[in-house]
């Protein structure tokens, strides 16, 4: 979708004419100033794209009806914009659909409409495209700073996470603790998997995290509070062997179509304490972001 040089501040999506299950339920918006060379029905990755914003969509059940305006976090002008719809209302449907889309240079669908019927449009398909970008000020390192005002945000949503390397190798994890972040509770994780591996951390930041020989240690649900910047309490991890590095993947969110965020994270070793004791020891570790895994 090309619109000349403009700053997109909001967008609207209008539902299609038939099956509601084909309505998109989330979006990713990108911008570029490159010339568009991606072919029609390609993966749309021939250009250098900047991820501007991502979030959930709540389109109405009525057909051929515009949904509420979605405001975008964007202050830069781009000559072309790309929108990807990672999820839809019914994942068993064989296709996604909508009847109209419009971008605006003001918030809440105000200001100038940025696209017209004469603008070139290229259809793209990025099946299972794994995303794992985080804003510069919301990196995984924020999980260790003890500052509830900061957080780690991963645009990958479900199945994103991080890899941790404790300062003491060969540690046995007996519990973990997760703290909520500052805003939308739909971004809170609702389930996790934790893996262990021996040896050095080989995966790069924002990779799939699959360069190590991982062993699944535990998988469980999480019940994080609605209160912001609050601990969800200790989650016991039973029967673990000692490992040098750990991978944590969040396999569900309170709102599965949203992005992922938490403010603090900790692993513990030792006897899992009762609420009145402090027998466990917090591990110190380094982190890297983990890209969302492809789902089968």
C-alpha atoms as a PDB file:
ATOM      1  CA  UNK A   1       0.000   0.000   0.000  1.00  0.00           C
ATOM      2  CA  UNK A   2       1.571   3.279  -1.144  1.00  0.00           C
ATOM      3  CA  UNK A   3       0.448   6.754  -0.140  1.00  0.00           C
ATOM      4  CA  UNK A   4       3.357   9.136  -0.727  1.00  0.00           C
ATOM      5  CA  UNK A   5       5.299  10.605   2.179  1.00  0.00           C
ATOM      6  CA  UNK A   6       2.981  10.876   5.179  1.00  0.00           C
ATOM      7  CA  UNK A   7       2.770  10.177   8.897  1.00  0.00           C
ATOM      8  CA  UNK A   8       0.086   7.557   9.548  1.00  0.00           C
ATOM      9  CA  UNK A   9      -1.500   8.180  12.961  1.00  0.00           C
ATOM     10  CA  UNK A  10      -4.566   5.916  12.849  1.00  0.00           C
ATOM     11  CA  UNK A  11      -6.392   3.364  10.736  1.00  0.00           C
ATOM     12  CA  UNK A  12      -9.812   1.779  10.289  1.00  0.00           C
ATOM     13  CA  UNK A  13     -10.728  -1.686   9.025  1.00  0.00           C
ATOM     14  CA  UNK A  14     -14.150  -2.568   7.586  1.00  0.00           C
ATOM     15  CA  UNK A  15     -15.512  -6.103   7.844  1.00  0.00           C
ATOM     16  CA  UNK A  16     -16.095  -8.271   4.784  1.00  0.00           C
ATOM     17  CA  UNK A  17     -19.363  -9.499   3.375  1.00  0.00           C
ATOM     18  CA  UNK A  18     -19.578 -13.057   4.718  1.00  0.00           C
ATOM     19  CA  UNK A  19     -18.020 -15.391   7.333  1.00  0.00           C
ATOM     20  CA  UNK A  20     -17.285 -13.436  10.522  1.00  0.00           C
ATOM     21  CA  UNK A  21     -14.635 -15.983  11.508  1.00  0.00           C
ATOM     22  CA  UNK A  22     -12.398 -14.553   8.767  1.00  0.00           C
ATOM     23  CA  UNK A  23     -12.227 -11.135  10.468  1.00  0.00           C
ATOM     24  CA  UNK A  24      -8.694 -10.214  11.590  1.00  0.00           C
ATOM     25  CA  UNK A  25      -8.205  -9.848  15.351  1.00  0.00           C
ATOM     26  CA  UNK A  26      -4.698  -8.361  15.451  1.00  0.00           C
ATOM     27  CA  UNK A  27      -2.418  -6.256  13.278  1.00  0.00           C
ATOM     28  CA  UNK A  28       1.175  -5.249  12.645  1.00  0.00           C
ATOM     29  CA  UNK A  29       1.867  -1.985  10.781  1.00  0.00           C
ATOM     30  CA  UNK A  30       5.211  -1.314   9.071  1.00  0.00           C
ATOM     31  CA  UNK A  31       6.599   1.656   7.151  1.00  0.00           C
ATOM     32  CA  UNK A  32       9.330   2.080   4.538  1.00  0.00           C
ATOM     33  CA  UNK A  33      10.774   4.738   2.257  1.00  0.00           C
ATOM     34  CA  UNK A  34      12.201   2.137  -0.120  1.00  0.00           C
ATOM     35  CA  UNK A  35      10.826   1.700  -3.598  1.00  0.00           C
ATOM     36  CA  UNK A  36       8.353  -1.193  -3.542  1.00  0.00           C
ATOM     37  CA  UNK A  37       9.794  -4.164  -5.403  1.00  0.00           C
ATOM     38  CA  UNK A  38       7.846  -6.982  -3.717  1.00  0.00           C
ATOM     39  CA  UNK A  39       5.767  -8.852  -6.268  1.00  0.00           C
ATOM     40  CA  UNK A  40       2.030  -9.308  -5.893  1.00  0.00           C
ATOM     41  CA  UNK A  41       1.228 -12.358  -3.714  1.00  0.00           C
ATOM     42  CA  UNK A  42       4.827 -12.528  -2.449  1.00  0.00           C
ATOM     43  CA  UNK A  43       6.008 -12.510   1.172  1.00  0.00           C
ATOM     44  CA  UNK A  44       6.396  -8.704   1.036  1.00  0.00           C
ATOM     45  CA  UNK A  45       9.912  -8.778   2.462  1.00  0.00           C
ATOM     46  CA  UNK A  46      11.881  -7.333  -0.479  1.00  0.00           C
ATOM     47  CA  UNK A  47      12.004  -3.923   1.201  1.00  0.00           C
ATOM     48  CA  UNK A  48      13.506  -2.760   4.501  1.00  0.00           C
ATOM     49  CA  UNK A  49      10.491  -2.325   6.791  1.00  0.00           C
ATOM     50  CA  UNK A  50      10.251  -0.632  10.185  1.00  0.00           C
ATOM     51  CA  UNK A  51       7.685  -2.038  12.612  1.00  0.00           C
ATOM     52  CA  UNK A  52       5.593   0.923  13.800  1.00  0.00           C
ATOM     53  CA  UNK A  53       2.899  -0.613  15.959  1.00  0.00           C
ATOM     54  CA  UNK A  54       1.016  -3.791  16.729  1.00  0.00           C
ATOM     55  CA  UNK A  55      -2.101  -4.637  18.707  1.00  0.00           C
ATOM     56  CA  UNK A  56      -5.513  -6.253  18.770  1.00  0.00           C
ATOM     57  CA  UNK A  57      -8.592  -5.551  16.628  1.00  0.00           C
ATOM     58  CA  UNK A  58     -12.198  -5.822  17.819  1.00  0.00           C
ATOM     59  CA  UNK A  59     -14.211  -5.754  14.613  1.00  0.00           C
ATOM     60  CA  UNK A  60     -18.037  -5.780  14.791  1.00  0.00           C
ATOM     61  CA  UNK A  61     -20.149  -8.816  13.947  1.00  0.00           C
ATOM     62  CA  UNK A  62     -22.124  -6.729  11.438  1.00  0.00           C
ATOM     63  CA  UNK A  63     -20.930  -7.261   7.882  1.00  0.00           C
ATOM     64  CA  UNK A  64     -19.467  -4.480   5.741  1.00  0.00           C
ATOM     65  CA  UNK A  65     -19.157  -2.325   8.863  1.00  0.00           C
ATOM     66  CA  UNK A  66     -16.186  -0.231   9.927  1.00  0.00           C
ATOM     67  CA  UNK A  67     -14.535  -1.071  13.240  1.00  0.00           C
ATOM     68  CA  UNK A  68     -13.393   1.501  15.752  1.00  0.00           C
ATOM     69  CA  UNK A  69     -10.387   3.611  14.812  1.00  0.00           C
ATOM     70  CA  UNK A  70      -7.012   2.233  15.896  1.00  0.00           C
ATOM     71  CA  UNK A  71      -4.385   4.807  16.880  1.00  0.00           C
ATOM     72  CA  UNK A  72      -0.792   4.136  15.850  1.00  0.00           C
ATOM     73  CA  UNK A  73       2.414   4.957  17.690  1.00  0.00           C
ATOM     74  CA  UNK A  74       4.203   6.678  14.818  1.00  0.00           C
ATOM     75  CA  UNK A  75       5.944  10.023  14.382  1.00  0.00           C
ATOM     76  CA  UNK A  76       7.896   9.352  11.168  1.00  0.00           C
ATOM     77  CA  UNK A  77       6.882   9.917   7.557  1.00  0.00           C
ATOM     78  CA  UNK A  78       6.964   6.947   5.189  1.00  0.00           C
ATOM     79  CA  UNK A  79       6.218   6.617   1.511  1.00  0.00           C
ATOM     80  CA  UNK A  80       4.720   3.145   1.854  1.00  0.00           C
ATOM     81  CA  UNK A  81       2.960   1.207   4.589  1.00  0.00           C
ATOM     82  CA  UNK A  82       2.442  -2.506   5.104  1.00  0.00           C
ATOM     83  CA  UNK A  83      -0.127  -4.158   7.347  1.00  0.00           C
ATOM     84  CA  UNK A  84      -0.017  -7.807   8.429  1.00  0.00           C
ATOM     85  CA  UNK A  85      -2.885  -9.588  10.217  1.00  0.00           C
ATOM     86  CA  UNK A  86      -1.367 -12.362  12.378  1.00  0.00           C
ATOM     87  CA  UNK A  87      -4.657 -13.725  13.821  1.00  0.00           C
ATOM     88  CA  UNK A  88      -8.377 -13.981  13.043  1.00  0.00           C
ATOM     89  CA  UNK A  89     -11.597 -14.751  14.904  1.00  0.00           C
ATOM     90  CA  UNK A  90     -11.774 -18.404  13.790  1.00  0.00           C
ATOM     91  CA  UNK A  91      -8.398 -20.007  13.131  1.00  0.00           C
ATOM     92  CA  UNK A  92     -10.103 -22.937  11.362  1.00  0.00           C
ATOM     93  CA  UNK A  93     -11.130 -20.649   8.507  1.00  0.00           C
ATOM     94  CA  UNK A  94      -9.078 -21.028   5.328  1.00  0.00           C
ATOM     95  CA  UNK A  95      -8.676 -17.317   4.646  1.00  0.00           C
ATOM     96  CA  UNK A  96      -8.759 -13.801   6.073  1.00  0.00           C
ATOM     97  CA  UNK A  97     -10.952 -10.997   4.756  1.00  0.00           C
ATOM     98  CA  UNK A  98     -11.983  -7.374   5.138  1.00  0.00           C
ATOM     99  CA  UNK A  99     -13.692  -5.026   2.700  1.00  0.00           C
ATOM    100  CA  UNK A 100     -11.974  -1.671   3.287  1.00  0.00           C
ATOM    101  CA  UNK A 101      -8.952  -0.217   5.049  1.00  0.00           C
ATOM    102  CA  UNK A 102      -7.950   3.418   5.500  1.00  0.00           C
ATOM    103  CA  UNK A 103      -5.036   5.255   7.096  1.00  0.00           C
ATOM    104  CA  UNK A 104      -5.259   8.804   8.496  1.00  0.00           C
ATOM    105  CA  UNK A 105      -2.700  11.456   9.428  1.00  0.00           C
ATOM    106  CA  UNK A 106      -4.630  12.325  12.596  1.00  0.00           C
ATOM    107  CA  UNK A 107      -5.641  10.235  15.623  1.00  0.00           C
ATOM    108  CA  UNK A 108      -9.060   8.566  15.876  1.00  0.00           C
ATOM    109  CA  UNK A 109      -9.551   8.549  12.074  1.00  0.00           C
ATOM    110  CA  UNK A 110      -9.286  12.354  11.847  1.00  0.00           C
ATOM    111  CA  UNK A 111      -7.316  14.527   9.462  1.00  0.00           C
ATOM    112  CA  UNK A 112      -6.608  13.438   5.915  1.00  0.00           C
ATOM    113  CA  UNK A 113      -7.321   9.993   4.502  1.00  0.00           C
ATOM    114  CA  UNK A 114      -4.009   8.746   3.127  1.00  0.00           C
ATOM    115  CA  UNK A 115      -5.014   6.223   0.474  1.00  0.00           C
ATOM    116  CA  UNK A 116      -7.250   6.414  -2.585  1.00  0.00           C
ATOM    117  CA  UNK A 117      -8.433   3.846  -5.133  1.00  0.00           C
ATOM    118  CA  UNK A 118      -5.622   4.941  -7.479  1.00  0.00           C
ATOM    119  CA  UNK A 119      -2.810   4.029  -5.074  1.00  0.00           C
ATOM    120  CA  UNK A 120      -0.953   0.808  -5.933  1.00  0.00           C
ATOM    121  CA  UNK A 121      -1.696  -2.120  -3.607  1.00  0.00           C
ATOM    122  CA  UNK A 122       0.288  -5.358  -3.376  1.00  0.00           C
ATOM    123  CA  UNK A 123      -1.156  -8.488  -1.768  1.00  0.00           C
ATOM    124  CA  UNK A 124       1.289 -10.332   0.496  1.00  0.00           C
ATOM    125  CA  UNK A 125       1.330 -13.520   2.544  1.00  0.00           C
ATOM    126  CA  UNK A 126       3.666 -14.063   5.488  1.00  0.00           C
ATOM    127  CA  UNK A 127       2.439 -17.405   6.918  1.00  0.00           C
ATOM    128  CA  UNK A 128       3.824 -18.091  10.387  1.00  0.00           C
ATOM    129  CA  UNK A 129       6.143 -15.093  10.155  1.00  0.00           C
ATOM    130  CA  UNK A 130       7.876 -14.982  13.528  1.00  0.00           C
ATOM    131  CA  UNK A 131       8.125 -11.554  15.117  1.00  0.00           C
ATOM    132  CA  UNK A 132      10.306 -10.695  18.088  1.00  0.00           C
ATOM    133  CA  UNK A 133      10.992  -6.981  18.142  1.00  0.00           C
ATOM    134  CA  UNK A 134      10.975  -4.870  21.253  1.00  0.00           C
ATOM    135  CA  UNK A 135      11.177  -1.074  21.687  1.00  0.00           C
ATOM    136  CA  UNK A 136      14.619   0.223  22.587  1.00  0.00           C
ATOM    137  CA  UNK A 137      13.547   1.186  26.100  1.00  0.00           C
ATOM    138  CA  UNK A 138      11.645  -2.064  26.747  1.00  0.00           C
ATOM    139  CA  UNK A 139      14.336  -4.715  26.319  1.00  0.00           C
ATOM    140  CA  UNK A 140      14.661  -7.994  28.270  1.00  0.00           C
ATOM    141  CA  UNK A 141      17.349  -6.379  30.422  1.00  0.00           C
ATOM    142  CA  UNK A 142      14.568  -4.461  32.198  1.00  0.00           C
ATOM    143  CA  UNK A 143      13.545  -7.713  33.882  1.00  0.00           C
ATOM    144  CA  UNK A 144      16.577  -7.447  36.161  1.00  0.00           C
ATOM    145  CA  UNK A 145      16.632  -3.788  37.160  1.00  0.00           C
ATOM    146  CA  UNK A 146      14.221  -4.009  40.109  1.00  0.00           C
ATOM    147  CA  UNK A 147      12.344  -1.021  38.708  1.00  0.00           C
ATOM    148  CA  UNK A 148       8.623  -1.690  38.411  1.00  0.00           C
ATOM    149  CA  UNK A 149       8.288   1.313  36.107  1.00  0.00           C
ATOM    150  CA  UNK A 150      10.209  -0.481  33.344  1.00  0.00           C
ATOM    151  CA  UNK A 151       9.229  -3.609  31.437  1.00  0.00           C
ATOM    152  CA  UNK A 152      10.141  -6.096  28.728  1.00  0.00           C
ATOM    153  CA  UNK A 153       7.723  -5.984  25.771  1.00  0.00           C
ATOM    154  CA  UNK A 154       7.854  -8.429  22.867  1.00  0.00           C
ATOM    155  CA  UNK A 155       5.728  -7.775  19.775  1.00  0.00           C
ATOM    156  CA  UNK A 156       5.735 -11.521  19.064  1.00  0.00           C
ATOM    157  CA  UNK A 157       2.959 -12.132  21.598  1.00  0.00           C
ATOM    158  CA  UNK A 158       2.206 -15.793  22.261  1.00  0.00           C
ATOM    159  CA  UNK A 159       5.252 -18.114  22.218  1.00  0.00           C
ATOM    160  CA  UNK A 160       7.793 -15.336  22.637  1.00  0.00           C
ATOM    161  CA  UNK A 161      10.054 -15.185  25.669  1.00  0.00           C
ATOM    162  CA  UNK A 162      13.749 -15.055  26.549  1.00  0.00           C
ATOM    163  CA  UNK A 163      16.859 -17.087  27.376  1.00  0.00           C
ATOM    164  CA  UNK A 164      18.613 -16.604  30.725  1.00  0.00           C
ATOM    165  CA  UNK A 165      22.128 -17.500  31.791  1.00  0.00           C
ATOM    166  CA  UNK A 166      22.568 -17.697  35.589  1.00  0.00           C
ATOM    167  CA  UNK A 167      25.803 -16.371  37.019  1.00  0.00           C
ATOM    168  CA  UNK A 168      26.359 -19.789  38.674  1.00  0.00           C
ATOM    169  CA  UNK A 169      26.401 -22.564  36.063  1.00  0.00           C
ATOM    170  CA  UNK A 170      24.844 -25.908  36.912  1.00  0.00           C
ATOM    171  CA  UNK A 171      21.995 -24.327  38.912  1.00  0.00           C
ATOM    172  CA  UNK A 172      18.812 -26.255  39.666  1.00  0.00           C
ATOM    173  CA  UNK A 173      15.651 -24.159  39.341  1.00  0.00           C
ATOM    174  CA  UNK A 174      12.992 -24.862  41.957  1.00  0.00           C
ATOM    175  CA  UNK A 175      10.645 -21.912  41.372  1.00  0.00           C
ATOM    176  CA  UNK A 176      10.040 -18.872  39.193  1.00  0.00           C
ATOM    177  CA  UNK A 177       8.280 -15.560  39.753  1.00  0.00           C
ATOM    178  CA  UNK A 178       6.694 -13.143  37.250  1.00  0.00           C
ATOM    179  CA  UNK A 179       5.598  -9.540  37.796  1.00  0.00           C
ATOM    180  CA  UNK A 180       2.900  -7.767  35.763  1.00  0.00           C
ATOM    181  CA  UNK A 181       3.779  -4.650  33.764  1.00  0.00           C
ATOM    182  CA  UNK A 182       2.320  -1.158  33.890  1.00  0.00           C
ATOM    183  CA  UNK A 183      -0.566  -1.232  31.438  1.00  0.00           C
ATOM    184  CA  UNK A 184      -2.890  -3.546  29.460  1.00  0.00           C
ATOM    185  CA  UNK A 185      -3.518  -6.732  31.455  1.00  0.00           C
ATOM    186  CA  UNK A 186      -4.356  -8.581  28.227  1.00  0.00           C
ATOM    187  CA  UNK A 187      -0.605  -8.661  27.584  1.00  0.00           C
ATOM    188  CA  UNK A 188       0.051 -10.652  30.771  1.00  0.00           C
ATOM    189  CA  UNK A 189       1.280 -14.212  30.171  1.00  0.00           C
ATOM    190  CA  UNK A 190      -1.181 -16.937  31.124  1.00  0.00           C
ATOM    191  CA  UNK A 191       1.016 -20.019  30.626  1.00  0.00           C
ATOM    192  CA  UNK A 192       4.696 -20.880  30.288  1.00  0.00           C
ATOM    193  CA  UNK A 193       7.211 -23.537  29.352  1.00  0.00           C
ATOM    194  CA  UNK A 194      10.716 -23.592  30.850  1.00  0.00           C
ATOM    195  CA  UNK A 195      13.620 -25.459  29.262  1.00  0.00           C
ATOM    196  CA  UNK A 196      17.170 -26.152  30.394  1.00  0.00           C
ATOM    197  CA  UNK A 197      20.401 -26.782  28.497  1.00  0.00           C
ATOM    198  CA  UNK A 198      24.064 -27.435  29.289  1.00  0.00           C
ATOM    199  CA  UNK A 199      26.883 -25.413  27.835  1.00  0.00           C
ATOM    200  CA  UNK A 200      27.139 -21.862  26.568  1.00  0.00           C
ATOM    201  CA  UNK A 201      24.347 -19.665  25.209  1.00  0.00           C
ATOM    202  CA  UNK A 202      24.636 -19.859  21.405  1.00  0.00           C
ATOM    203  CA  UNK A 203      21.420 -18.234  20.174  1.00  0.00           C
ATOM    204  CA  UNK A 204      21.487 -14.592  19.104  1.00  0.00           C
ATOM    205  CA  UNK A 205      19.190 -11.884  20.430  1.00  0.00           C
ATOM    206  CA  UNK A 206      15.825 -11.889  18.616  1.00  0.00           C
ATOM    207  CA  UNK A 207      16.446 -15.375  17.263  1.00  0.00           C
ATOM    208  CA  UNK A 208      14.273 -18.478  17.465  1.00  0.00           C
ATOM    209  CA  UNK A 209      16.390 -19.643  20.408  1.00  0.00           C
ATOM    210  CA  UNK A 210      16.969 -23.062  18.908  1.00  0.00           C
ATOM    211  CA  UNK A 211      20.776 -23.238  18.771  1.00  0.00           C
ATOM    212  CA  UNK A 212      21.022 -25.075  22.091  1.00  0.00           C
ATOM    213  CA  UNK A 213      20.022 -28.655  23.034  1.00  0.00           C
ATOM    214  CA  UNK A 214      16.976 -27.867  25.170  1.00  0.00           C
ATOM    215  CA  UNK A 215      15.173 -30.175  27.589  1.00  0.00           C
ATOM    216  CA  UNK A 216      11.627 -29.301  28.648  1.00  0.00           C
ATOM    217  CA  UNK A 217      11.577 -28.981  32.440  1.00  0.00           C
ATOM    218  CA  UNK A 218       8.031 -27.834  33.148  1.00  0.00           C
ATOM    219  CA  UNK A 219       4.905 -26.373  31.554  1.00  0.00           C
ATOM    220  CA  UNK A 220       2.133 -24.757  33.565  1.00  0.00           C
ATOM    221  CA  UNK A 221      -0.456 -22.002  33.662  1.00  0.00           C
ATOM    222  CA  UNK A 222       0.080 -18.597  35.254  1.00  0.00           C
ATOM    223  CA  UNK A 223      -2.487 -16.636  37.258  1.00  0.00           C
ATOM    224  CA  UNK A 224      -1.115 -13.123  37.337  1.00  0.00           C
ATOM    225  CA  UNK A 225      -3.064 -10.441  39.244  1.00  0.00           C
ATOM    226  CA  UNK A 226      -4.969  -7.631  37.565  1.00  0.00           C
ATOM    227  CA  UNK A 227      -2.958  -5.244  39.726  1.00  0.00           C
ATOM    228  CA  UNK A 228      -0.170  -3.615  37.745  1.00  0.00           C
ATOM    229  CA  UNK A 229       3.499  -3.947  38.751  1.00  0.00           C
ATOM    230  CA  UNK A 230       2.568  -6.843  41.024  1.00  0.00           C
ATOM    231  CA  UNK A 231       4.057 -10.283  41.637  1.00  0.00           C
ATOM    232  CA  UNK A 232       2.153 -13.384  40.664  1.00  0.00           C
ATOM    233  CA  UNK A 233       3.835 -15.282  43.506  1.00  0.00           C
ATOM    234  CA  UNK A 234       6.222 -18.210  43.384  1.00  0.00           C
ATOM    235  CA  UNK A 235       5.490 -20.989  40.886  1.00  0.00           C
ATOM    236  CA  UNK A 236       7.203 -24.230  42.016  1.00  0.00           C
ATOM    237  CA  UNK A 237       9.255 -26.184  39.483  1.00  0.00           C
ATOM    238  CA  UNK A 238       9.518 -29.834  40.537  1.00  0.00           C
ATOM    239  CA  UNK A 239      12.044 -32.475  39.590  1.00  0.00           C
ATOM    240  CA  UNK A 240      14.450 -30.303  37.606  1.00  0.00           C
ATOM    241  CA  UNK A 241      18.043 -31.300  36.871  1.00  0.00           C
ATOM    242  CA  UNK A 242      20.855 -28.734  37.042  1.00  0.00           C
ATOM    243  CA  UNK A 243      21.399 -26.725  33.849  1.00  0.00           C
ATOM    244  CA  UNK A 244      23.691 -23.923  32.724  1.00  0.00           C
ATOM    245  CA  UNK A 245      21.102 -21.878  30.817  1.00  0.00           C
ATOM    246  CA  UNK A 246      17.321 -21.655  30.779  1.00  0.00           C
ATOM    247  CA  UNK A 247      14.744 -20.748  28.150  1.00  0.00           C
ATOM    248  CA  UNK A 248      11.322 -19.392  29.139  1.00  0.00           C
ATOM    249  CA  UNK A 249       8.508 -19.349  26.555  1.00  0.00           C
ATOM    250  CA  UNK A 250       5.086 -17.865  27.307  1.00  0.00           C
ATOM    251  CA  UNK A 251       2.604 -20.101  25.502  1.00  0.00           C
ATOM    252  CA  UNK A 252      -0.554 -18.131  26.251  1.00  0.00           C
ATOM    253  CA  UNK A 253      -1.650 -14.598  27.135  1.00  0.00           C
ATOM    254  CA  UNK A 254      -4.756 -13.290  28.870  1.00  0.00           C
ATOM    255  CA  UNK A 255      -5.626 -11.828  25.466  1.00  0.00           C
ATOM    256  CA  UNK A 256      -4.115 -14.282  22.963  1.00  0.00           C
ATOM    257  CA  UNK A 257      -4.183 -11.738  20.122  1.00  0.00           C
ATOM    258  CA  UNK A 258      -2.203  -9.118  22.059  1.00  0.00           C
ATOM    259  CA  UNK A 259       1.538  -8.548  22.467  1.00  0.00           C
ATOM    260  CA  UNK A 260       3.528  -9.822  25.454  1.00  0.00           C
ATOM    261  CA  UNK A 261       4.940  -7.889  28.411  1.00  0.00           C
ATOM    262  CA  UNK A 262       6.115  -8.300  32.017  1.00  0.00           C
ATOM    263  CA  UNK A 263       8.033  -5.953  34.299  1.00  0.00           C
ATOM    264  CA  UNK A 264      10.237  -8.342  36.332  1.00  0.00           C
ATOM    265  CA  UNK A 265      11.213 -12.021  36.314  1.00  0.00           C
ATOM    266  CA  UNK A 266      13.180 -14.200  38.695  1.00  0.00           C
ATOM    267  CA  UNK A 267      14.359 -17.805  39.002  1.00  0.00           C
ATOM    268  CA  UNK A 268      15.018 -19.393  42.397  1.00  0.00           C
ATOM    269  CA  UNK A 269      17.077 -22.294  43.648  1.00  0.00           C
ATOM    270  CA  UNK A 270      16.691 -24.143  46.956  1.00  0.00           C
ATOM    271  CA  UNK A 271      13.658 -25.133  48.990  1.00  0.00           C
ATOM    272  CA  UNK A 272      10.502 -23.389  47.810  1.00  0.00           C
ATOM    273  CA  UNK A 273       9.468 -21.312  50.833  1.00  0.00           C
ATOM    274  CA  UNK A 274       6.184 -21.033  52.601  1.00  0.00           C
ATOM    275  CA  UNK A 275       4.781 -17.500  52.483  1.00  0.00           C
ATOM    276  CA  UNK A 276       6.456 -16.635  55.820  1.00  0.00           C
ATOM    277  CA  UNK A 277       9.960 -17.908  54.972  1.00  0.00           C
ATOM    278  CA  UNK A 278      12.727 -16.871  52.579  1.00  0.00           C
ATOM    279  CA  UNK A 279      14.690 -20.067  52.017  1.00  0.00           C
ATOM    280  CA  UNK A 280      15.127 -19.657  48.261  1.00  0.00           C
ATOM    281  CA  UNK A 281      17.950 -17.711  46.662  1.00  0.00           C
ATOM    282  CA  UNK A 282      17.337 -15.438  43.680  1.00  0.00           C
ATOM    283  CA  UNK A 283      19.584 -16.140  40.705  1.00  0.00           C
ATOM    284  CA  UNK A 284      21.352 -13.384  38.847  1.00  0.00           C
ATOM    285  CA  UNK A 285      21.559 -13.856  35.097  1.00  0.00           C
ATOM    286  CA  UNK A 286      21.918 -12.300  31.667  1.00  0.00           C
ATOM    287  CA  UNK A 287      19.078 -12.324  29.136  1.00  0.00           C
ATOM    288  CA  UNK A 288      18.337 -12.172  25.440  1.00  0.00           C
ATOM    289  CA  UNK A 289      15.003 -11.841  23.669  1.00  0.00           C
ATOM    290  CA  UNK A 290      13.406 -14.917  22.175  1.00  0.00           C
ATOM    291  CA  UNK A 291      11.465 -14.757  18.952  1.00  0.00           C
ATOM    292  CA  UNK A 292       7.983 -16.202  18.781  1.00  0.00           C
ATOM    293  CA  UNK A 293       8.074 -19.822  17.692  1.00  0.00           C
ATOM    294  CA  UNK A 294       6.109 -20.999  14.718  1.00  0.00           C
ATOM    295  CA  UNK A 295       2.969 -22.770  15.845  1.00  0.00           C
ATOM    296  CA  UNK A 296       2.028 -26.124  14.405  1.00  0.00           C
END
